[in-house]
C-alpha atoms as a PDB file:
ATOM      1  CA  MET A   1     133.822 132.579  64.350  1.00  0.00           C
ATOM      2  CA  SER A   2     132.052 129.636  62.754  1.00  0.00           C
ATOM      3  CA  ASN A   3     132.929 127.452  65.765  1.00  0.00           C
ATOM      4  CA  ASN A   4     131.323 129.951  68.152  1.00  0.00           C
ATOM      5  CA  LEU A   5     128.242 130.130  65.953  1.00  0.00           C
ATOM      6  CA  SER A   6     127.943 126.332  65.933  1.00  0.00           C
ATOM      7  CA  MET A   7     128.351 126.229  69.717  1.00  0.00           C
ATOM      8  CA  ASN A   8     125.638 128.860  70.197  1.00  0.00           C
ATOM      9  CA  GLN A   9     123.271 127.001  67.891  1.00  0.00           C
ATOM     10  CA  GLY A  10     124.013 123.779  69.767  1.00  0.00           C
ATOM     11  CA  MET A  11     123.258 125.442  73.120  1.00  0.00           C
ATOM     12  CA  ILE A  12     120.002 126.881  71.774  1.00  0.00           C
ATOM     13  CA  SER A  13     118.987 123.459  70.434  1.00  0.00           C
ATOM     14  CA  TYR A  14     119.874 121.820  73.762  1.00  0.00           C
ATOM     15  CA  ARG A  15     117.823 124.350  75.749  1.00  0.00           C
ATOM     16  CA  ARG A  16     114.829 123.944  73.438  1.00  0.00           C
ATOM     17  CA  THR A  17     114.998 120.164  73.777  1.00  0.00           C
ATOM     18  CA  ARG A  18     115.352 120.427  77.542  1.00  0.00           C
ATOM     19  CA  ASP A  19     112.385 122.817  77.812  1.00  0.00           C
ATOM     20  CA  PHE A  20     110.301 120.562  75.568  1.00  0.00           C
ATOM     21  CA  LEU A  21     111.074 117.504  77.717  1.00  0.00           C
ATOM     22  CA  ARG A  22     110.236 119.400  80.892  1.00  0.00           C
ATOM     23  CA  LYS A  23     106.925 120.602  79.475  1.00  0.00           C
ATOM     24  CA  ARG A  24     106.061 117.114  78.245  1.00  0.00           C
ATOM     25  CA  THR A  25     106.899 115.594  81.628  1.00  0.00           C
ATOM     26  CA  PHE A  26     104.796 118.224  83.405  1.00  0.00           C
ATOM     27  CA  LEU A  27     101.881 117.651  81.005  1.00  0.00           C
ATOM     28  CA  ILE A  28     101.976 113.861  81.434  1.00  0.00           C
ATOM     29  CA  ARG A  29     102.201 114.248  85.220  1.00  0.00           C
ATOM     30  CA  SER A  30      99.284 116.710  85.230  1.00  0.00           C
ATOM     31  CA  ILE A  31      97.097 114.331  83.201  1.00  0.00           C
ATOM     32  CA  LYS A  32      97.921 111.479  85.603  1.00  0.00           C
ATOM     33  CA  ASP A  33      97.142 113.674  88.618  1.00  0.00           C
ATOM     34  CA  ILE A  34      93.783 114.737  87.151  1.00  0.00           C
ATOM     35  CA  LEU A  35      92.927 111.105  86.411  1.00  0.00           C
ATOM     36  CA  PHE A  36      93.847 109.934  89.912  1.00  0.00           C
ATOM     37  CA  LEU A  37      91.974 112.815  91.567  1.00  0.00           C
ATOM     38  CA  SER A  38      88.863 112.199  89.442  1.00  0.00           C
ATOM     39  CA  LEU A  39      88.838 108.475  90.201  1.00  0.00           C
ATOM     40  CA  GLY A  40      89.425 109.254  93.879  1.00  0.00           C
ATOM     41  CA  VAL A  41      86.479 111.637  94.017  1.00  0.00           C
ATOM     42  CA  LEU A  42      84.170 109.135  92.278  1.00  0.00           C
ATOM     43  CA  SER A  43      85.261 106.272  94.553  1.00  0.00           C
ATOM     44  CA  ALA A  44      84.867 108.306  97.751  1.00  0.00           C
ATOM     45  CA  GLY A  45      81.485 109.583  96.580  1.00  0.00           C
ATOM     46  CA  PHE A  46      80.390 105.993  95.920  1.00  0.00           C
ATOM     47  CA  GLY A  47      81.478 104.931  99.397  1.00  0.00           C
ATOM     48  CA  LEU A  48      79.578 107.800 101.006  1.00  0.00           C
ATOM     49  CA  GLU A  49      76.358 107.768  98.960  1.00  0.00           C
ATOM     50  CA  SER A  50      75.963 104.019  98.443  1.00  0.00           C
ATOM     51  CA  PHE A  51      77.025 102.818 101.898  1.00  0.00           C
ATOM     52  CA  LEU A  52      77.660 105.314 104.705  1.00  0.00           C
ATOM     53  CA  ILE A  53      75.061 108.065 104.323  1.00  0.00           C
ATOM     54  CA  PRO A  54      71.945 105.845 103.829  1.00  0.00           C
ATOM     55  CA  ASN A  55      72.899 103.837 106.941  1.00  0.00           C
ATOM     56  CA  LYS A  56      73.886 106.872 109.049  1.00  0.00           C
ATOM     57  CA  PHE A  57      77.460 105.699 109.608  1.00  0.00           C
ATOM     58  CA  ILE A  58      80.510 107.946 109.848  1.00  0.00           C
ATOM     59  CA  ASP A  59      84.230 107.679 109.170  1.00  0.00           C
ATOM     60  CA  GLY A  60      87.265 109.221 110.838  1.00  0.00           C
ATOM     61  CA  GLY A  61      89.014 112.472 109.965  1.00  0.00           C
ATOM     62  CA  ALA A  62      87.457 115.525 108.360  1.00  0.00           C
ATOM     63  CA  THR A  63      84.998 113.336 106.431  1.00  0.00           C
ATOM     64  CA  GLY A  64      83.841 111.811 109.712  1.00  0.00           C
ATOM     65  CA  ILE A  65      83.430 115.251 111.281  1.00  0.00           C
ATOM     66  CA  SER A  66      81.382 116.346 108.261  1.00  0.00           C
ATOM     67  CA  LEU A  67      79.156 113.248 108.446  1.00  0.00           C
ATOM     68  CA  LEU A  68      78.687 113.721 112.200  1.00  0.00           C
ATOM     69  CA  LEU A  69      77.775 117.401 111.874  1.00  0.00           C
ATOM     70  CA  SER A  70      75.368 116.590 109.043  1.00  0.00           C
ATOM     71  CA  GLU A  71      73.630 113.984 111.208  1.00  0.00           C
ATOM     72  CA  ILE A  72      73.390 116.282 114.233  1.00  0.00           C
ATOM     73  CA  THR A  73      72.323 119.490 112.462  1.00  0.00           C
ATOM     74  CA  ALA A  74      70.444 118.046 109.436  1.00  0.00           C
ATOM     75  CA  TYR A  75      72.337 120.425 107.133  1.00  0.00           C
ATOM     76  CA  PRO A  76      73.573 118.947 103.822  1.00  0.00           C
ATOM     77  CA  LEU A  77      76.813 116.974 103.896  1.00  0.00           C
ATOM     78  CA  PRO A  78      78.450 118.751 100.898  1.00  0.00           C
ATOM     79  CA  LEU A  79      78.364 122.030 102.844  1.00  0.00           C
ATOM     80  CA  PHE A  80      80.299 120.525 105.743  1.00  0.00           C
ATOM     81  CA  LEU A  81      82.748 118.715 103.440  1.00  0.00           C
ATOM     82  CA  VAL A  82      83.893 122.125 102.239  1.00  0.00           C
ATOM     83  CA  LEU A  83      83.620 124.110 105.501  1.00  0.00           C
ATOM     84  CA  VAL A  84      85.349 121.558 107.735  1.00  0.00           C
ATOM     85  CA  ASN A  85      88.311 121.236 105.368  1.00  0.00           C
ATOM     86  CA  ILE A  86      88.886 124.988 104.895  1.00  0.00           C
ATOM     87  CA  PRO A  87      91.083 125.436 108.043  1.00  0.00           C
ATOM     88  CA  PHE A  88      93.183 122.423 107.079  1.00  0.00           C
ATOM     89  CA  ILE A  89      93.598 123.703 103.515  1.00  0.00           C
ATOM     90  CA  LEU A  90      94.794 127.104 104.771  1.00  0.00           C
ATOM     91  CA  LEU A  91      97.224 125.349 107.066  1.00  0.00           C
ATOM     92  CA  GLY A  92      98.511 123.235 104.191  1.00  0.00           C
ATOM     93  CA  PHE A  93      99.298 126.289 102.048  1.00  0.00           C
ATOM     94  CA  ASN A  94     102.345 127.114 104.172  1.00  0.00           C
ATOM     95  CA  GLN A  95     103.234 123.509 104.966  1.00  0.00           C
ATOM     96  CA  LEU A  96     102.914 121.682 101.640  1.00  0.00           C
ATOM     97  CA  GLY A  97     102.902 124.250  98.851  1.00  0.00           C
ATOM     98  CA  LYS A  98     100.588 125.997  96.404  1.00  0.00           C
ATOM     99  CA  TRP A  99      99.994 123.156  93.931  1.00  0.00           C
ATOM    100  CA  PHE A 100      99.119 120.719  96.677  1.00  0.00           C
ATOM    101  CA  VAL A 101      96.517 123.152  98.031  1.00  0.00           C
ATOM    102  CA  ILE A 102      95.037 123.796  94.577  1.00  0.00           C
ATOM    103  CA  LYS A 103      94.656 120.062  93.907  1.00  0.00           C
ATOM    104  CA  THR A 104      93.161 119.524  97.367  1.00  0.00           C
ATOM    105  CA  ILE A 105      90.624 122.328  96.884  1.00  0.00           C
ATOM    106  CA  LEU A 106      89.574 120.930  93.510  1.00  0.00           C
ATOM    107  CA  ALA A 107      89.292 117.404  94.939  1.00  0.00           C
ATOM    108  CA  ILE A 108      87.174 118.444  97.937  1.00  0.00           C
ATOM    109  CA  ILE A 109      84.886 120.638  95.847  1.00  0.00           C
ATOM    110  CA  GLY A 110      84.629 117.795  93.331  1.00  0.00           C
ATOM    111  CA  LEU A 111      83.621 115.409  96.124  1.00  0.00           C
ATOM    112  CA  ALA A 112      80.963 117.837  97.361  1.00  0.00           C
ATOM    113  CA  ILE A 113      79.553 118.163  93.830  1.00  0.00           C
ATOM    114  CA  CYS A 114      79.752 114.402  93.330  1.00  0.00           C
ATOM    115  CA  VAL A 115      77.772 113.704  96.524  1.00  0.00           C
ATOM    116  CA  THR A 116      75.153 116.265  95.456  1.00  0.00           C
ATOM    117  CA  ALA A 117      74.774 115.517  91.754  1.00  0.00           C
ATOM    118  CA  VAL A 118      75.753 111.906  91.012  1.00  0.00           C
ATOM    119  CA  PRO A 119      72.835 109.449  91.521  1.00  0.00           C
ATOM    120  CA  TYR A 120      74.681 106.621  93.280  1.00  0.00           C
ATOM    121  CA  PRO A 121      72.516 103.556  94.071  1.00  0.00           C
ATOM    122  CA  VAL A 122      72.135 102.271  97.617  1.00  0.00           C
ATOM    123  CA  ILE A 123      73.956  98.925  97.573  1.00  0.00           C
ATOM    124  CA  THR A 124      73.052  97.306 100.901  1.00  0.00           C
ATOM    125  CA  SER A 125      71.717  97.920 104.398  1.00  0.00           C
ATOM    126  CA  ASP A 126      73.697  95.100 106.012  1.00  0.00           C
ATOM    127  CA  LYS A 127      75.766  96.864 108.663  1.00  0.00           C
ATOM    128  CA  LEU A 128      78.827  94.674 108.345  1.00  0.00           C
ATOM    129  CA  LEU A 129      78.917  94.993 104.543  1.00  0.00           C
ATOM    130  CA  VAL A 130      78.392  98.734 104.842  1.00  0.00           C
ATOM    131  CA  ALA A 131      81.293  99.036 107.280  1.00  0.00           C
ATOM    132  CA  VAL A 132      83.708  96.920 105.232  1.00  0.00           C
ATOM    133  CA  PHE A 133      82.906  98.052 101.685  1.00  0.00           C
ATOM    134  CA  GLY A 134      81.984 101.614 102.577  1.00  0.00           C
ATOM    135  CA  GLY A 135      85.405 101.953 104.204  1.00  0.00           C
ATOM    136  CA  PHE A 136      87.024 100.215 101.238  1.00  0.00           C
ATOM    137  CA  PHE A 137      85.663 102.623  98.607  1.00  0.00           C
ATOM    138  CA  LEU A 138      86.218 105.655 100.818  1.00  0.00           C
ATOM    139  CA  GLY A 139      89.815 104.608 101.545  1.00  0.00           C
ATOM    140  CA  ALA A 140      90.371 103.882  97.852  1.00  0.00           C
ATOM    141  CA  GLY A 141      89.159 107.380  97.025  1.00  0.00           C
ATOM    142  CA  ILE A 142      91.496 108.999  99.540  1.00  0.00           C
ATOM    143  CA  GLY A 143      94.412 106.843  98.350  1.00  0.00           C
ATOM    144  CA  LEU A 144      93.851 107.709  94.693  1.00  0.00           C
ATOM    145  CA  ALA A 145      93.650 111.394  95.592  1.00  0.00           C
ATOM    146  CA  VAL A 146      97.000 111.126  97.395  1.00  0.00           C
ATOM    147  CA  ARG A 147      98.437 109.469  94.267  1.00  0.00           C
ATOM    148  CA  GLY A 148      97.168 112.511  92.367  1.00  0.00           C
ATOM    149  CA  GLY A 149      99.009 114.934  94.632  1.00  0.00           C
ATOM    150  CA  GLY A 150      96.115 116.064  96.852  1.00  0.00           C
ATOM    151  CA  VAL A 151      93.958 114.868  99.726  1.00  0.00           C
ATOM    152  CA  LEU A 152      90.256 114.453 100.373  1.00  0.00           C
ATOM    153  CA  ASP A 153      90.676 114.598 104.150  1.00  0.00           C
ATOM    154  CA  GLY A 154      92.343 117.638 105.689  1.00  0.00           C
ATOM    155  CA  THR A 155      93.154 116.072 109.063  1.00  0.00           C
ATOM    156  CA  GLU A 156      96.292 114.575 107.508  1.00  0.00           C
ATOM    157  CA  ILE A 157      97.563 118.116 106.930  1.00  0.00           C
ATOM    158  CA  LEU A 158      96.898 118.955 110.585  1.00  0.00           C
ATOM    159  CA  ALA A 159      98.692 115.778 111.660  1.00  0.00           C
ATOM    160  CA  ILE A 160     101.762 116.709 109.591  1.00  0.00           C
ATOM    161  CA  PHE A 161     101.753 120.214 111.102  1.00  0.00           C
ATOM    162  CA  ILE A 162     101.493 118.911 114.687  1.00  0.00           C
ATOM    163  CA  SER A 163     104.202 116.292 114.103  1.00  0.00           C
ATOM    164  CA  ARG A 164     106.602 119.050 112.984  1.00  0.00           C
ATOM    165  CA  LYS A 165     105.865 121.186 116.034  1.00  0.00           C
ATOM    166  CA  THR A 166     105.739 118.441 118.700  1.00  0.00           C
ATOM    167  CA  SER A 167     107.160 115.014 119.441  1.00  0.00           C
ATOM    168  CA  MET A 168     103.938 113.296 118.294  1.00  0.00           C
ATOM    169  CA  SER A 169     104.043 111.273 115.070  1.00  0.00           C
ATOM    170  CA  VAL A 170     101.550 111.696 112.226  1.00  0.00           C
ATOM    171  CA  GLY A 171      99.956 108.343 113.102  1.00  0.00           C
ATOM    172  CA  ASP A 172      99.573 109.264 116.775  1.00  0.00           C
ATOM    173  CA  THR A 173      97.924 112.580 115.899  1.00  0.00           C
ATOM    174  CA  ILE A 174      95.444 110.996 113.473  1.00  0.00           C
ATOM    175  CA  PHE A 175      94.636 108.308 116.043  1.00  0.00           C
ATOM    176  CA  LEU A 176      93.957 110.928 118.749  1.00  0.00           C
ATOM    177  CA  ILE A 177      91.716 112.964 116.435  1.00  0.00           C
ATOM    178  CA  ASN A 178      89.701 109.876 115.527  1.00  0.00           C
ATOM    179  CA  VAL A 179      89.322 108.812 119.170  1.00  0.00           C
ATOM    180  CA  ILE A 180      87.669 112.180 119.831  1.00  0.00           C
ATOM    181  CA  ILE A 181      85.430 111.860 116.740  1.00  0.00           C
ATOM    182  CA  PHE A 182      84.251 108.344 117.610  1.00  0.00           C
ATOM    183  CA  SER A 183      83.659 109.306 121.243  1.00  0.00           C
ATOM    184  CA  VAL A 184      81.413 112.183 120.148  1.00  0.00           C
ATOM    185  CA  ALA A 185      79.655 109.816 117.721  1.00  0.00           C
ATOM    186  CA  ALA A 186      78.997 107.356 120.549  1.00  0.00           C
ATOM    187  CA  TYR A 187      77.416 110.156 122.597  1.00  0.00           C
ATOM    188  CA  PHE A 188      75.253 111.790 119.901  1.00  0.00           C
ATOM    189  CA  LEU A 189      74.417 108.738 117.773  1.00  0.00           C
ATOM    190  CA  SER A 190      74.939 105.402 119.521  1.00  0.00           C
ATOM    191  CA  ILE A 191      77.747 103.167 120.772  1.00  0.00           C
ATOM    192  CA  GLU A 192      76.869 100.624 118.083  1.00  0.00           C
ATOM    193  CA  THR A 193      77.242 103.267 115.369  1.00  0.00           C
ATOM    194  CA  ALA A 194      80.582 104.321 116.846  1.00  0.00           C
ATOM    195  CA  PHE A 195      81.844 100.725 116.796  1.00  0.00           C
ATOM    196  CA  TYR A 196      80.810 100.221 113.187  1.00  0.00           C
ATOM    197  CA  SER A 197      82.417 103.562 112.339  1.00  0.00           C
ATOM    198  CA  ILE A 198      85.692 102.358 113.841  1.00  0.00           C
ATOM    199  CA  LEU A 199      85.465  99.314 111.566  1.00  0.00           C
ATOM    200  CA  ILE A 200      84.883 101.642 108.601  1.00  0.00           C
ATOM    201  CA  TYR A 201      87.960 103.620 109.581  1.00  0.00           C
ATOM    202  CA  PHE A 202      90.148 100.496 109.756  1.00  0.00           C
ATOM    203  CA  SER A 203      88.850  99.272 106.394  1.00  0.00           C
ATOM    204  CA  ALA A 204      89.528 102.668 104.812  1.00  0.00           C
ATOM    205  CA  SER A 205      92.965 102.881 106.441  1.00  0.00           C
ATOM    206  CA  LYS A 206      94.077  99.470 105.149  1.00  0.00           C
ATOM    207  CA  THR A 207      92.844 100.266 101.640  1.00  0.00           C
ATOM    208  CA  LEU A 208      94.606 103.637 101.726  1.00  0.00           C
ATOM    209  CA  THR A 209      97.887 102.018 102.802  1.00  0.00           C
ATOM    210  CA  PHE A 210      97.545  99.373 100.092  1.00  0.00           C
ATOM    211  CA  LEU A 211      97.041 101.945  97.341  1.00  0.00           C
ATOM    212  CA  ILE A 212      99.844 104.253  98.460  1.00  0.00           C
ATOM    213  CA  GLU A 213     102.488 101.626  99.197  1.00  0.00           C
ATOM    214  CA  GLY A 214     101.501  99.314  96.352  1.00  0.00           C
ATOM    215  CA  ILE A 215     101.004  95.591  96.000  1.00  0.00           C
ATOM    216  CA  GLU A 216     104.669  94.752  96.472  1.00  0.00           C
ATOM    217  CA  GLU A 217     106.461  95.730  99.654  1.00  0.00           C
ATOM    218  CA  TYR A 218     110.038  96.726  98.934  1.00  0.00           C
ATOM    219  CA  ILE A 219     112.936  95.978 101.251  1.00  0.00           C
ATOM    220  CA  GLY A 220     116.265  97.793 101.227  1.00  0.00           C
ATOM    221  CA  VAL A 221     119.137  95.409 101.957  1.00  0.00           C
ATOM    222  CA  THR A 222     122.675  96.376 103.002  1.00  0.00           C
ATOM    223  CA  ILE A 223     125.272  93.594 102.873  1.00  0.00           C
ATOM    224  CA  ILE A 224     128.752  93.818 104.403  1.00  0.00           C
ATOM    225  CA  SER A 225     131.092  90.949 103.607  1.00  0.00           C
ATOM    226  CA  PRO A 226     134.718  90.303 102.574  1.00  0.00           C
ATOM    227  CA  LYS A 227     133.269  88.302  99.660  1.00  0.00           C
ATOM    228  CA  SER A 228     131.439  91.286  98.229  1.00  0.00           C
ATOM    229  CA  GLU A 229     132.452  90.550  94.629  1.00  0.00           C
ATOM    230  CA  GLU A 230     130.850  87.091  94.694  1.00  0.00           C
ATOM    231  CA  ILE A 231     127.694  88.491  96.315  1.00  0.00           C
ATOM    232  CA  PHE A 232     127.604  91.298  93.743  1.00  0.00           C
ATOM    233  CA  SER A 233     127.669  88.753  90.910  1.00  0.00           C
ATOM    234  CA  MET A 234     124.972  86.643  92.570  1.00  0.00           C
ATOM    235  CA  VAL A 235     122.578  89.579  93.029  1.00  0.00           C
ATOM    236  CA  THR A 236     122.984  90.879  89.481  1.00  0.00           C
ATOM    237  CA  GLU A 237     123.095  87.519  87.674  1.00  0.00           C
ATOM    238  CA  LYS A 238     120.915  85.127  89.700  1.00  0.00           C
ATOM    239  CA  LEU A 239     118.385  87.590  91.137  1.00  0.00           C
ATOM    240  CA  GLY A 240     118.503  90.032  88.231  1.00  0.00           C
ATOM    241  CA  ARG A 241     118.588  93.039  90.562  1.00  0.00           C
ATOM    242  CA  GLY A 242     120.489  96.292  90.440  1.00  0.00           C
ATOM    243  CA  ILE A 243     123.021  96.915  93.181  1.00  0.00           C
ATOM    244  CA  THR A 244     125.002  99.886  94.484  1.00  0.00           C
ATOM    245  CA  VAL A 245     128.549  99.568  95.875  1.00  0.00           C
ATOM    246  CA  TYR A 246     129.821 101.880  98.617  1.00  0.00           C
ATOM    247  CA  LYS A 247     133.440 102.061  99.713  1.00  0.00           C
ATOM    248  CA  GLY A 248     133.960 101.874 103.470  1.00  0.00           C
ATOM    249  CA  LYS A 249     136.256 100.752 106.268  1.00  0.00           C
ATOM    250  CA  ARG A 250     135.789  98.206 109.009  1.00  0.00           C
ATOM    251  CA  GLY A 251     135.134  99.539 112.478  1.00  0.00           C
ATOM    252  CA  PHE A 252     134.994  97.391 115.601  1.00  0.00           C
ATOM    253  CA  GLY A 253     134.308  93.695 114.992  1.00  0.00           C
ATOM    254  CA  LYS A 254     135.113  90.259 116.386  1.00  0.00           C
ATOM    255  CA  LYS A 255     138.791  90.855 115.768  1.00  0.00           C
ATOM    256  CA  GLY A 256     138.779  94.243 117.496  1.00  0.00           C
ATOM    257  CA  HIS A 257     139.516  97.594 115.854  1.00  0.00           C
ATOM    258  CA  SER A 258     140.547  97.582 112.211  1.00  0.00           C
ATOM    259  CA  HIS A 259     140.044 101.083 110.833  1.00  0.00           C
ATOM    260  CA  SER A 260     142.553 100.645 108.047  1.00  0.00           C
ATOM    261  CA  GLU A 261     140.868  97.679 106.357  1.00  0.00           C
ATOM    262  CA  GLU A 262     138.841  98.897 103.382  1.00  0.00           C
ATOM    263  CA  MET A 263     135.892  96.947 102.003  1.00  0.00           C
ATOM    264  CA  SER A 264     132.887  97.215  99.691  1.00  0.00           C
ATOM    265  CA  ILE A 265     129.390  97.736 101.115  1.00  0.00           C
ATOM    266  CA  LEU A 266     126.571  96.459  98.905  1.00  0.00           C
ATOM    267  CA  TYR A 267     123.050  97.912  98.774  1.00  0.00           C
ATOM    268  CA  THR A 268     120.098  96.544  96.801  1.00  0.00           C
ATOM    269  CA  VAL A 269     116.291  96.674  96.810  1.00  0.00           C
ATOM    270  CA  VAL A 270     114.133  93.535  96.591  1.00  0.00           C
ATOM    271  CA  THR A 271     110.508  92.637  97.247  1.00  0.00           C
ATOM    272  CA  ARG A 272     109.440  91.039 100.520  1.00  0.00           C
ATOM    273  CA  LEU A 273     108.999  87.692  98.776  1.00  0.00           C
ATOM    274  CA  GLU A 274     112.610  87.720  97.580  1.00  0.00           C
ATOM    275  CA  THR A 275     114.278  88.365 100.946  1.00  0.00           C
ATOM    276  CA  SER A 276     114.398  84.695 101.942  1.00  0.00           C
ATOM    277  CA  ARG A 277     116.045  83.692  98.661  1.00  0.00           C
ATOM    278  CA  LEU A 278     118.522  86.569  98.939  1.00  0.00           C
ATOM    279  CA  GLN A 279     119.510  85.576 102.475  1.00  0.00           C
ATOM    280  CA  THR A 280     119.961  81.943 101.456  1.00  0.00           C
ATOM    281  CA  GLN A 281     122.184  82.889  98.517  1.00  0.00           C
ATOM    282  CA  VAL A 282     124.279  85.271 100.629  1.00  0.00           C
ATOM    283  CA  GLU A 283     124.714  82.719 103.424  1.00  0.00           C
ATOM    284  CA  ALA A 284     125.845  80.135 100.859  1.00  0.00           C
ATOM    285  CA  ILE A 285     128.648  82.516  99.860  1.00  0.00           C
ATOM    286  CA  ASP A 286     129.477  83.942 103.299  1.00  0.00           C
ATOM    287  CA  PRO A 287     127.692  82.552 106.415  1.00  0.00           C
ATOM    288  CA  ASN A 288     129.128  85.436 108.485  1.00  0.00           C
ATOM    289  CA  ALA A 289     127.948  88.238 106.185  1.00  0.00           C
ATOM    290  CA  PHE A 290     126.351  91.189 108.014  1.00  0.00           C
ATOM    291  CA  ILE A 291     122.893  91.882 106.507  1.00  0.00           C
ATOM    292  CA  ILE A 292     120.671  94.863 107.340  1.00  0.00           C
ATOM    293  CA  MET A 293     117.076  95.095 106.058  1.00  0.00           C
ATOM    294  CA  HIS A 294     114.547  97.922 106.254  1.00  0.00           C
ATOM    295  CA  ASN A 295     111.147  98.698 104.723  1.00  0.00           C
ATOM    296  CA  ILE A 296     110.873 101.157 101.836  1.00  0.00           C
ATOM    297  CA  LYS A 297     107.655 103.099 101.267  1.00  0.00           C
ATOM    298  CA  ASP A 298     108.112 103.743  97.575  1.00  0.00           C
ATOM    299  CA  THR A 299     110.680 103.451  94.795  1.00  0.00           C
ATOM    300  CA  LYS A 300     111.296 105.138  91.460  1.00  0.00           C
ATOM    301  CA  GLY A 301     113.779 104.438  88.701  1.00  0.00           C
ATOM    302  CA  GLY A 302     116.579 101.899  88.798  1.00  0.00           C
ATOM    303  CA  MET A 303     116.166  98.160  88.338  1.00  0.00           C
ATOM    304  CA  ILE A 304     113.253  97.656  90.726  1.00  0.00           C
ATOM    305  CA  LYS A 305     111.285  95.263  88.567  1.00  0.00           C
ATOM    306  CA  LYS A 306     112.998  91.969  87.751  1.00  0.00           C
ATOM    307  CA  ARG A 307     114.668  92.148  84.335  1.00  0.00           C
ATOM    308  CA  PRO A 308     114.636  89.113  82.035  1.00  0.00           C
ATOM    309  CA  LEU A 309     117.933  87.246  82.109  1.00  0.00           C
ATOM    310  CA  ALA A 310     119.737  86.207  78.942  1.00  0.00           C
ATOM    311  CA  HIS A 311     119.367  82.487  79.562  1.00  0.00           C
END
């Protein structure tokens, strides 16, 4: 009887601890998301008010459509920032979930309020500086919002939807949408404005990619070699990286079929700068080792960062 009571109390304590950890994790994540979304809104608002709007330039995507409509109709930009994104937000509700839509709505409304209420200074009228730095701050804002679990530009939602329904990729869809936007801008505004707007888009796109993928580009490396134990020791001891070992069998190689020969398959993740050193070390152990490399968009957990070695 006492054993059952102790077990029940232990289960209750475990569940309480588990629930507490879940709530704490959710709270920390929510605070981070709010911080990223707020910084994203402020950065995008700075890019719009201090660079693009005073010089009558536009960007791609839903923001570009809003800027273009504001220029053509003379209605306020904040109104179009909300109206243009509404169809994309409704589309995203079924595609990406409730919390994503809530964060996106808050971010877009926050951007509209920011453009209306925050007195950003006009930084420069130099067209090249406007194109480069306006795109930089706008792209930084969109990237930070994505880090916070939302978006400031609804065309990405449309691109995801189209890519799931057709053979077009997300990148192809966004490119096609922006070609249409810049063509309309060239007709209603000027060809020069359209060209500068394309430069803004590229600047924003590169900044967005940088913020989402991070400073370091990670590479996943698969190594197949009979000397897997030596390579395993080299990766963990010399490079200070974690490594995963899969069990497999040889297929068809230089010696023909050999299905019965079992071997270890090694998998590790390194930064782009470490790939050359890794290849050199592997080739020193086994010049005939089969190495496969591929880009990784993001990583979490594990021994991604280099750990300090004992010596």
